[in-house]
């Protein structure tokens, strides 16, 4: 397996498993108490609690990145496509987060950087087979 696939797959798993943890914690305790996140952060957003954001973080961001990591590490041709999709989801998640609650923490910048890095690296993975 190429070092690029290992590095990208590991990054996707790191992001994905972190999103599963964070999203699960927010869904389990929608008041944000498990992550020490006050609900007051949501005052400019359409959400009264972290339930819906937690479910989105868990199911969409966490699910997509974890799946992309697994596919990338398996070395199949679908890894590149999954990586592009997972990177796009992560970038959209962070952009929406900043638009809705503002810039709150350095981790927002870090994860935006992770998404951009994934987006840059994914096209260098093997391409899906073409049907003729």
N, C-alpha and C. Protein backbone atom coordinates (compact mmCIF):
# COMPACT_ATOMS: atom_id res chain seq x y z
N UNK A 1 0.84 -1.18 0.00
CA UNK A 1 0.00 0.00 0.00
C UNK A 1 0.89 1.24 0.00
N UNK A 2 0.49 2.23 -0.76
CA UNK A 2 1.27 3.44 -0.89
C UNK A 2 1.17 4.29 0.37
N UNK A 3 2.25 4.98 0.72
CA UNK A 3 2.24 5.85 1.91
C UNK A 3 1.13 6.91 1.86
N UNK A 4 0.81 7.40 0.67
CA UNK A 4 -0.26 8.39 0.55
C UNK A 4 -1.59 7.82 1.02
N UNK A 5 -1.89 6.61 0.61
CA UNK A 5 -3.15 5.97 1.00
C UNK A 5 -3.19 5.73 2.51
N UNK A 6 -2.07 5.33 3.07
CA UNK A 6 -2.01 5.10 4.52
C UNK A 6 -2.21 6.41 5.27
N UNK A 7 -1.52 7.47 4.84
CA UNK A 7 -1.64 8.76 5.53
C UNK A 7 -3.06 9.32 5.40
N UNK A 8 -3.62 9.28 4.20
CA UNK A 8 -4.96 9.81 3.98
C UNK A 8 -6.00 8.98 4.73
N UNK A 9 -5.87 7.66 4.65
CA UNK A 9 -6.81 6.79 5.37
C UNK A 9 -6.74 7.00 6.87
N UNK A 10 -5.55 7.17 7.41
CA UNK A 10 -5.40 7.42 8.85
C UNK A 10 -6.03 8.76 9.23
N UNK A 11 -5.83 9.78 8.40
CA UNK A 11 -6.44 11.09 8.68
C UNK A 11 -7.96 11.00 8.64
N UNK A 12 -8.48 10.30 7.66
CA UNK A 12 -9.94 10.14 7.57
C UNK A 12 -10.50 9.38 8.76
N UNK A 13 -9.80 8.35 9.20
CA UNK A 13 -10.26 7.62 10.39
C UNK A 13 -10.18 8.49 11.63
N UNK A 14 -9.12 9.28 11.75
CA UNK A 14 -9.00 10.19 12.89
C UNK A 14 -10.18 11.17 12.92
N UNK A 15 -10.46 11.79 11.78
CA UNK A 15 -11.57 12.73 11.68
C UNK A 15 -12.90 12.01 11.93
N UNK A 16 -13.07 10.87 11.27
CA UNK A 16 -14.32 10.14 11.37
C UNK A 16 -14.63 9.64 12.77
N UNK A 17 -13.64 9.03 13.41
CA UNK A 17 -13.87 8.51 14.76
C UNK A 17 -14.08 9.65 15.75
N UNK A 18 -13.38 10.77 15.54
CA UNK A 18 -13.60 11.94 16.39
C UNK A 18 -15.00 12.50 16.22
N UNK A 19 -15.49 12.52 14.98
CA UNK A 19 -16.85 13.00 14.72
C UNK A 19 -17.90 12.04 15.29
N UNK A 20 -17.62 10.75 15.23
CA UNK A 20 -18.54 9.79 15.84
C UNK A 20 -18.62 10.01 17.35
N UNK A 21 -17.46 10.22 17.97
CA UNK A 21 -17.42 10.48 19.41
C UNK A 21 -18.14 11.78 19.75
N UNK A 22 -17.74 12.86 19.08
CA UNK A 22 -18.33 14.17 19.38
C UNK A 22 -19.81 14.22 19.07
N UNK A 23 -20.20 13.70 17.92
CA UNK A 23 -21.61 13.69 17.55
C UNK A 23 -22.43 12.82 18.48
N UNK A 24 -21.88 11.68 18.86
CA UNK A 24 -22.58 10.81 19.81
C UNK A 24 -22.76 11.47 21.16
N UNK A 25 -21.72 12.15 21.62
CA UNK A 25 -21.81 12.85 22.91
C UNK A 25 -22.85 13.96 22.86
N UNK A 26 -22.91 14.68 21.75
CA UNK A 26 -23.91 15.76 21.63
C UNK A 26 -25.32 15.20 21.51
N UNK A 27 -25.48 14.09 20.81
CA UNK A 27 -26.81 13.49 20.68
C UNK A 27 -27.27 12.88 22.01
N UNK A 28 -26.34 12.29 22.75
CA UNK A 28 -26.71 11.70 24.04
C UNK A 28 -27.05 12.75 25.10
N UNK A 29 -26.33 13.84 25.08
CA UNK A 29 -26.59 14.95 26.00
C UNK A 29 -26.71 16.23 25.19
N UNK A 30 -27.89 16.51 24.65
CA UNK A 30 -28.06 17.65 23.77
C UNK A 30 -27.82 19.02 24.42
N UNK A 31 -27.62 19.02 25.74
CA UNK A 31 -27.28 20.28 26.40
C UNK A 31 -25.78 20.58 26.29
N UNK A 32 -25.02 19.68 25.67
CA UNK A 32 -23.60 19.88 25.46
C UNK A 32 -22.72 19.58 26.65
N UNK A 33 -23.30 19.10 27.73
CA UNK A 33 -22.56 18.94 28.98
C UNK A 33 -21.44 17.89 28.90
N UNK A 34 -21.59 16.86 28.08
CA UNK A 34 -20.53 15.86 27.97
C UNK A 34 -19.25 16.43 27.36
N UNK A 35 -19.40 17.48 26.55
CA UNK A 35 -18.25 18.09 25.90
C UNK A 35 -17.97 19.50 26.43
N UNK A 36 -18.64 19.86 27.51
CA UNK A 36 -18.50 21.20 28.11
C UNK A 36 -18.76 22.31 27.09
N UNK A 37 -19.79 22.12 26.29
CA UNK A 37 -20.18 23.12 25.29
C UNK A 37 -21.51 23.73 25.71
N UNK A 38 -21.51 24.99 26.08
CA UNK A 38 -22.77 25.60 26.51
C UNK A 38 -23.76 25.76 25.34
N UNK A 39 -25.02 25.57 25.62
CA UNK A 39 -26.06 25.72 24.61
C UNK A 39 -26.12 27.17 24.12
N UNK A 40 -25.61 28.09 24.89
CA UNK A 40 -25.61 29.49 24.48
C UNK A 40 -24.84 29.72 23.19
N UNK A 41 -23.93 28.81 22.82
CA UNK A 41 -23.24 28.93 21.54
C UNK A 41 -24.20 28.86 20.36
N UNK A 42 -25.35 28.26 20.57
CA UNK A 42 -26.32 28.07 19.50
C UNK A 42 -27.30 29.23 19.35
N UNK A 43 -27.12 30.30 20.11
CA UNK A 43 -28.12 31.37 20.14
C UNK A 43 -28.39 32.00 18.77
N UNK A 44 -27.43 32.01 17.86
CA UNK A 44 -27.65 32.58 16.52
C UNK A 44 -28.03 31.51 15.51
N UNK A 45 -28.13 30.28 15.93
CA UNK A 45 -28.42 29.18 15.01
C UNK A 45 -29.91 28.81 15.09
N UNK A 46 -30.38 27.97 14.18
CA UNK A 46 -31.77 27.53 14.26
C UNK A 46 -32.00 26.40 15.27
N UNK A 47 -30.98 26.05 16.04
CA UNK A 47 -31.08 24.91 16.96
C UNK A 47 -31.15 25.39 18.41
N UNK A 48 -32.05 24.77 19.16
CA UNK A 48 -32.16 25.09 20.59
C UNK A 48 -31.25 24.20 21.43
N UNK A 49 -30.93 23.03 20.91
CA UNK A 49 -30.03 22.09 21.58
C UNK A 49 -29.06 21.53 20.54
N UNK A 50 -28.15 20.68 21.01
CA UNK A 50 -27.17 20.05 20.12
C UNK A 50 -27.65 18.74 19.53
N UNK A 51 -28.90 18.37 19.71
CA UNK A 51 -29.38 17.07 19.23
C UNK A 51 -29.20 16.93 17.71
N UNK A 52 -29.77 17.83 16.94
CA UNK A 52 -29.69 17.72 15.48
C UNK A 52 -28.25 17.89 14.99
N UNK A 53 -27.52 18.92 15.46
CA UNK A 53 -26.11 18.99 15.04
C UNK A 53 -25.31 17.74 15.42
N UNK A 54 -25.61 17.18 16.58
CA UNK A 54 -24.91 15.96 17.01
C UNK A 54 -25.21 14.78 16.10
N UNK A 55 -26.46 14.64 15.70
CA UNK A 55 -26.83 13.56 14.80
C UNK A 55 -26.18 13.73 13.42
N UNK A 56 -26.11 14.98 12.94
CA UNK A 56 -25.46 15.26 11.66
C UNK A 56 -23.96 14.96 11.76
N UNK A 57 -23.35 15.43 12.84
CA UNK A 57 -21.92 15.19 13.04
C UNK A 57 -21.63 13.70 13.11
N UNK A 58 -22.44 12.99 13.86
CA UNK A 58 -22.26 11.55 14.02
C UNK A 58 -22.50 10.81 12.70
N UNK A 59 -23.70 10.99 12.14
CA UNK A 59 -24.11 10.19 11.01
C UNK A 59 -23.48 10.56 9.68
N UNK A 60 -23.40 11.84 9.40
CA UNK A 60 -22.92 12.26 8.09
C UNK A 60 -21.41 12.50 8.09
N UNK A 61 -20.94 13.37 8.98
CA UNK A 61 -19.51 13.68 9.01
C UNK A 61 -18.71 12.46 9.49
N UNK A 62 -19.12 11.90 10.62
CA UNK A 62 -18.42 10.74 11.16
C UNK A 62 -18.53 9.51 10.27
N UNK A 63 -19.73 9.26 9.79
CA UNK A 63 -19.95 8.09 8.95
C UNK A 63 -19.17 8.17 7.64
N UNK A 64 -19.23 9.33 6.98
CA UNK A 64 -18.54 9.48 5.69
C UNK A 64 -17.03 9.37 5.84
N UNK A 65 -16.48 10.01 6.86
CA UNK A 65 -15.02 9.99 7.02
C UNK A 65 -14.52 8.62 7.49
N UNK A 66 -15.26 7.97 8.34
CA UNK A 66 -14.86 6.63 8.78
C UNK A 66 -14.91 5.65 7.61
N UNK A 67 -15.99 5.71 6.84
CA UNK A 67 -16.10 4.83 5.67
C UNK A 67 -14.99 5.13 4.66
N UNK A 68 -14.73 6.41 4.42
CA UNK A 68 -13.66 6.78 3.48
C UNK A 68 -12.31 6.25 3.96
N UNK A 69 -12.07 6.36 5.25
CA UNK A 69 -10.81 5.85 5.80
C UNK A 69 -10.66 4.35 5.60
N UNK A 70 -11.73 3.63 5.84
CA UNK A 70 -11.70 2.17 5.66
C UNK A 70 -11.47 1.83 4.19
N UNK A 71 -12.21 2.47 3.29
CA UNK A 71 -12.06 2.19 1.86
C UNK A 71 -10.67 2.57 1.35
N UNK A 72 -10.14 3.69 1.84
CA UNK A 72 -8.81 4.12 1.42
C UNK A 72 -7.76 3.13 1.90
N UNK A 73 -7.86 2.70 3.13
CA UNK A 73 -6.87 1.76 3.67
C UNK A 73 -6.98 0.36 3.05
N UNK A 74 -8.17 0.02 2.60
CA UNK A 74 -8.35 -1.27 1.92
C UNK A 74 -7.69 -1.26 0.55
N UNK A 75 -7.45 -0.08 0.01
CA UNK A 75 -6.76 0.02 -1.26
C UNK A 75 -7.63 -0.14 -2.49
N UNK A 76 -8.93 -0.18 -2.30
CA UNK A 76 -9.80 -0.31 -3.46
C UNK A 76 -9.89 0.98 -4.26
N UNK A 77 -10.43 0.87 -5.44
CA UNK A 77 -10.54 2.03 -6.32
C UNK A 77 -11.62 3.01 -5.87
N UNK A 78 -12.48 2.64 -4.95
CA UNK A 78 -13.52 3.56 -4.47
C UNK A 78 -13.00 4.49 -3.38
N UNK A 79 -11.79 4.26 -2.90
CA UNK A 79 -11.24 5.10 -1.84
C UNK A 79 -11.11 6.56 -2.22
N UNK A 80 -10.68 6.82 -3.45
CA UNK A 80 -10.50 8.20 -3.89
C UNK A 80 -11.82 8.96 -3.95
N UNK A 81 -12.84 8.32 -4.49
CA UNK A 81 -14.16 8.95 -4.57
C UNK A 81 -14.72 9.18 -3.17
N UNK A 82 -14.60 8.18 -2.31
CA UNK A 82 -15.08 8.33 -0.93
C UNK A 82 -14.32 9.43 -0.21
N UNK A 83 -13.03 9.54 -0.47
CA UNK A 83 -12.21 10.58 0.17
C UNK A 83 -12.65 11.97 -0.27
N UNK A 84 -12.92 12.14 -1.57
CA UNK A 84 -13.39 13.44 -2.06
C UNK A 84 -14.73 13.82 -1.43
N UNK A 85 -15.62 12.84 -1.33
CA UNK A 85 -16.92 13.10 -0.72
C UNK A 85 -16.77 13.43 0.76
N UNK A 86 -15.98 12.66 1.49
CA UNK A 86 -15.78 12.89 2.92
C UNK A 86 -15.13 14.25 3.16
N UNK A 87 -14.16 14.61 2.34
CA UNK A 87 -13.50 15.91 2.48
C UNK A 87 -14.49 17.04 2.24
N UNK A 88 -15.31 16.91 1.23
CA UNK A 88 -16.32 17.93 0.93
C UNK A 88 -17.32 18.08 2.07
N UNK A 89 -17.74 16.96 2.63
CA UNK A 89 -18.67 16.99 3.76
C UNK A 89 -18.04 17.71 4.95
N UNK A 90 -16.78 17.41 5.24
CA UNK A 90 -16.10 18.04 6.37
C UNK A 90 -15.97 19.54 6.15
N UNK A 91 -15.59 19.96 4.95
CA UNK A 91 -15.45 21.39 4.66
C UNK A 91 -16.79 22.10 4.78
N UNK A 92 -17.84 21.51 4.26
CA UNK A 92 -19.18 22.10 4.37
C UNK A 92 -19.61 22.17 5.83
N UNK A 93 -19.34 21.13 6.61
CA UNK A 93 -19.68 21.11 8.04
C UNK A 93 -19.01 22.28 8.77
N UNK A 94 -17.72 22.45 8.55
CA UNK A 94 -17.00 23.52 9.25
C UNK A 94 -17.49 24.89 8.78
N UNK A 95 -17.70 25.05 7.47
CA UNK A 95 -18.19 26.33 6.96
C UNK A 95 -19.57 26.67 7.54
N UNK A 96 -20.47 25.69 7.58
CA UNK A 96 -21.79 25.91 8.16
C UNK A 96 -21.69 26.23 9.64
N UNK A 97 -20.81 25.54 10.33
CA UNK A 97 -20.61 25.78 11.76
C UNK A 97 -20.17 27.22 12.01
N UNK A 98 -19.19 27.67 11.26
CA UNK A 98 -18.69 29.04 11.44
C UNK A 98 -19.77 30.06 11.07
N UNK A 99 -20.55 29.78 10.03
CA UNK A 99 -21.62 30.70 9.64
C UNK A 99 -22.70 30.77 10.72
N UNK A 100 -23.01 29.64 11.34
CA UNK A 100 -24.11 29.60 12.31
C UNK A 100 -23.71 30.05 13.71
N UNK A 101 -22.53 29.65 14.16
CA UNK A 101 -22.17 29.99 15.55
C UNK A 101 -20.94 30.89 15.64
N UNK A 102 -20.32 31.17 14.50
CA UNK A 102 -19.12 32.01 14.49
C UNK A 102 -17.87 31.19 14.79
N UNK A 103 -16.74 31.88 14.70
CA UNK A 103 -15.47 31.23 15.00
C UNK A 103 -15.34 31.13 16.52
N UNK A 104 -15.24 29.91 17.02
CA UNK A 104 -15.24 29.69 18.47
C UNK A 104 -13.96 29.06 19.00
N UNK A 105 -13.25 28.31 18.16
CA UNK A 105 -12.16 27.49 18.68
C UNK A 105 -11.16 27.21 17.56
N UNK A 106 -9.89 27.09 17.92
CA UNK A 106 -8.85 26.80 16.94
C UNK A 106 -9.09 25.49 16.19
N UNK A 107 -9.83 24.59 16.80
CA UNK A 107 -10.09 23.29 16.15
C UNK A 107 -10.89 23.46 14.86
N UNK A 108 -11.68 24.52 14.75
CA UNK A 108 -12.41 24.76 13.51
C UNK A 108 -11.42 24.98 12.35
N UNK A 109 -10.38 25.76 12.61
CA UNK A 109 -9.35 25.99 11.60
C UNK A 109 -8.61 24.69 11.28
N UNK A 110 -8.28 23.93 12.31
CA UNK A 110 -7.57 22.67 12.12
C UNK A 110 -8.37 21.72 11.25
N UNK A 111 -9.65 21.55 11.55
CA UNK A 111 -10.46 20.61 10.78
C UNK A 111 -10.77 21.11 9.38
N UNK A 112 -10.85 22.42 9.19
CA UNK A 112 -10.96 22.95 7.84
C UNK A 112 -9.70 22.60 7.06
N UNK A 113 -8.55 22.75 7.72
CA UNK A 113 -7.28 22.36 7.09
C UNK A 113 -7.24 20.88 6.76
N UNK A 114 -7.74 20.03 7.66
CA UNK A 114 -7.80 18.60 7.38
C UNK A 114 -8.65 18.34 6.14
N UNK A 115 -9.81 18.99 6.06
CA UNK A 115 -10.69 18.81 4.91
C UNK A 115 -10.03 19.23 3.61
N UNK A 116 -9.35 20.37 3.64
CA UNK A 116 -8.66 20.85 2.44
C UNK A 116 -7.53 19.91 2.04
N UNK A 117 -6.78 19.41 3.04
CA UNK A 117 -5.69 18.47 2.76
C UNK A 117 -6.24 17.19 2.13
N UNK A 118 -7.33 16.69 2.68
CA UNK A 118 -7.97 15.49 2.13
C UNK A 118 -8.42 15.74 0.68
N UNK A 119 -8.97 16.91 0.44
CA UNK A 119 -9.45 17.27 -0.90
C UNK A 119 -8.29 17.34 -1.90
N UNK A 120 -7.15 17.82 -1.45
CA UNK A 120 -5.97 17.92 -2.31
C UNK A 120 -5.37 16.54 -2.58
N UNK A 121 -5.32 15.68 -1.56
CA UNK A 121 -4.67 14.38 -1.70
C UNK A 121 -5.53 13.32 -2.39
N UNK A 122 -6.83 13.38 -2.23
CA UNK A 122 -7.71 12.33 -2.74
C UNK A 122 -7.56 12.06 -4.24
N UNK A 123 -7.39 13.07 -5.08
CA UNK A 123 -7.27 12.77 -6.51
C UNK A 123 -6.03 11.94 -6.88
N UNK A 124 -5.07 11.84 -5.98
CA UNK A 124 -3.87 11.05 -6.26
C UNK A 124 -4.03 9.57 -5.94
N UNK A 125 -5.17 9.20 -5.36
CA UNK A 125 -5.46 7.78 -5.12
C UNK A 125 -5.89 7.14 -6.43
N UNK A 126 -5.87 5.80 -6.50
CA UNK A 126 -6.33 5.13 -7.74
C UNK A 126 -7.76 5.52 -8.09
N UNK A 127 -8.00 5.66 -9.37
CA UNK A 127 -9.33 6.04 -9.87
C UNK A 127 -10.23 4.82 -9.99
N UNK A 128 -11.56 5.04 -9.88
CA UNK A 128 -12.49 3.93 -10.08
C UNK A 128 -12.37 3.36 -11.49
N UNK A 129 -12.61 2.06 -11.63
CA UNK A 129 -12.58 1.42 -12.94
C UNK A 129 -13.69 1.97 -13.80
N UNK A 130 -13.43 2.16 -15.07
CA UNK A 130 -14.42 2.66 -16.03
C UNK A 130 -15.08 1.47 -16.72
N UNK A 131 -16.39 1.58 -16.90
CA UNK A 131 -17.11 0.54 -17.64
C UNK A 131 -17.23 0.97 -19.09
N UNK A 132 -17.01 0.06 -19.99
CA UNK A 132 -17.12 0.43 -21.40
C UNK A 132 -18.18 -0.39 -22.11
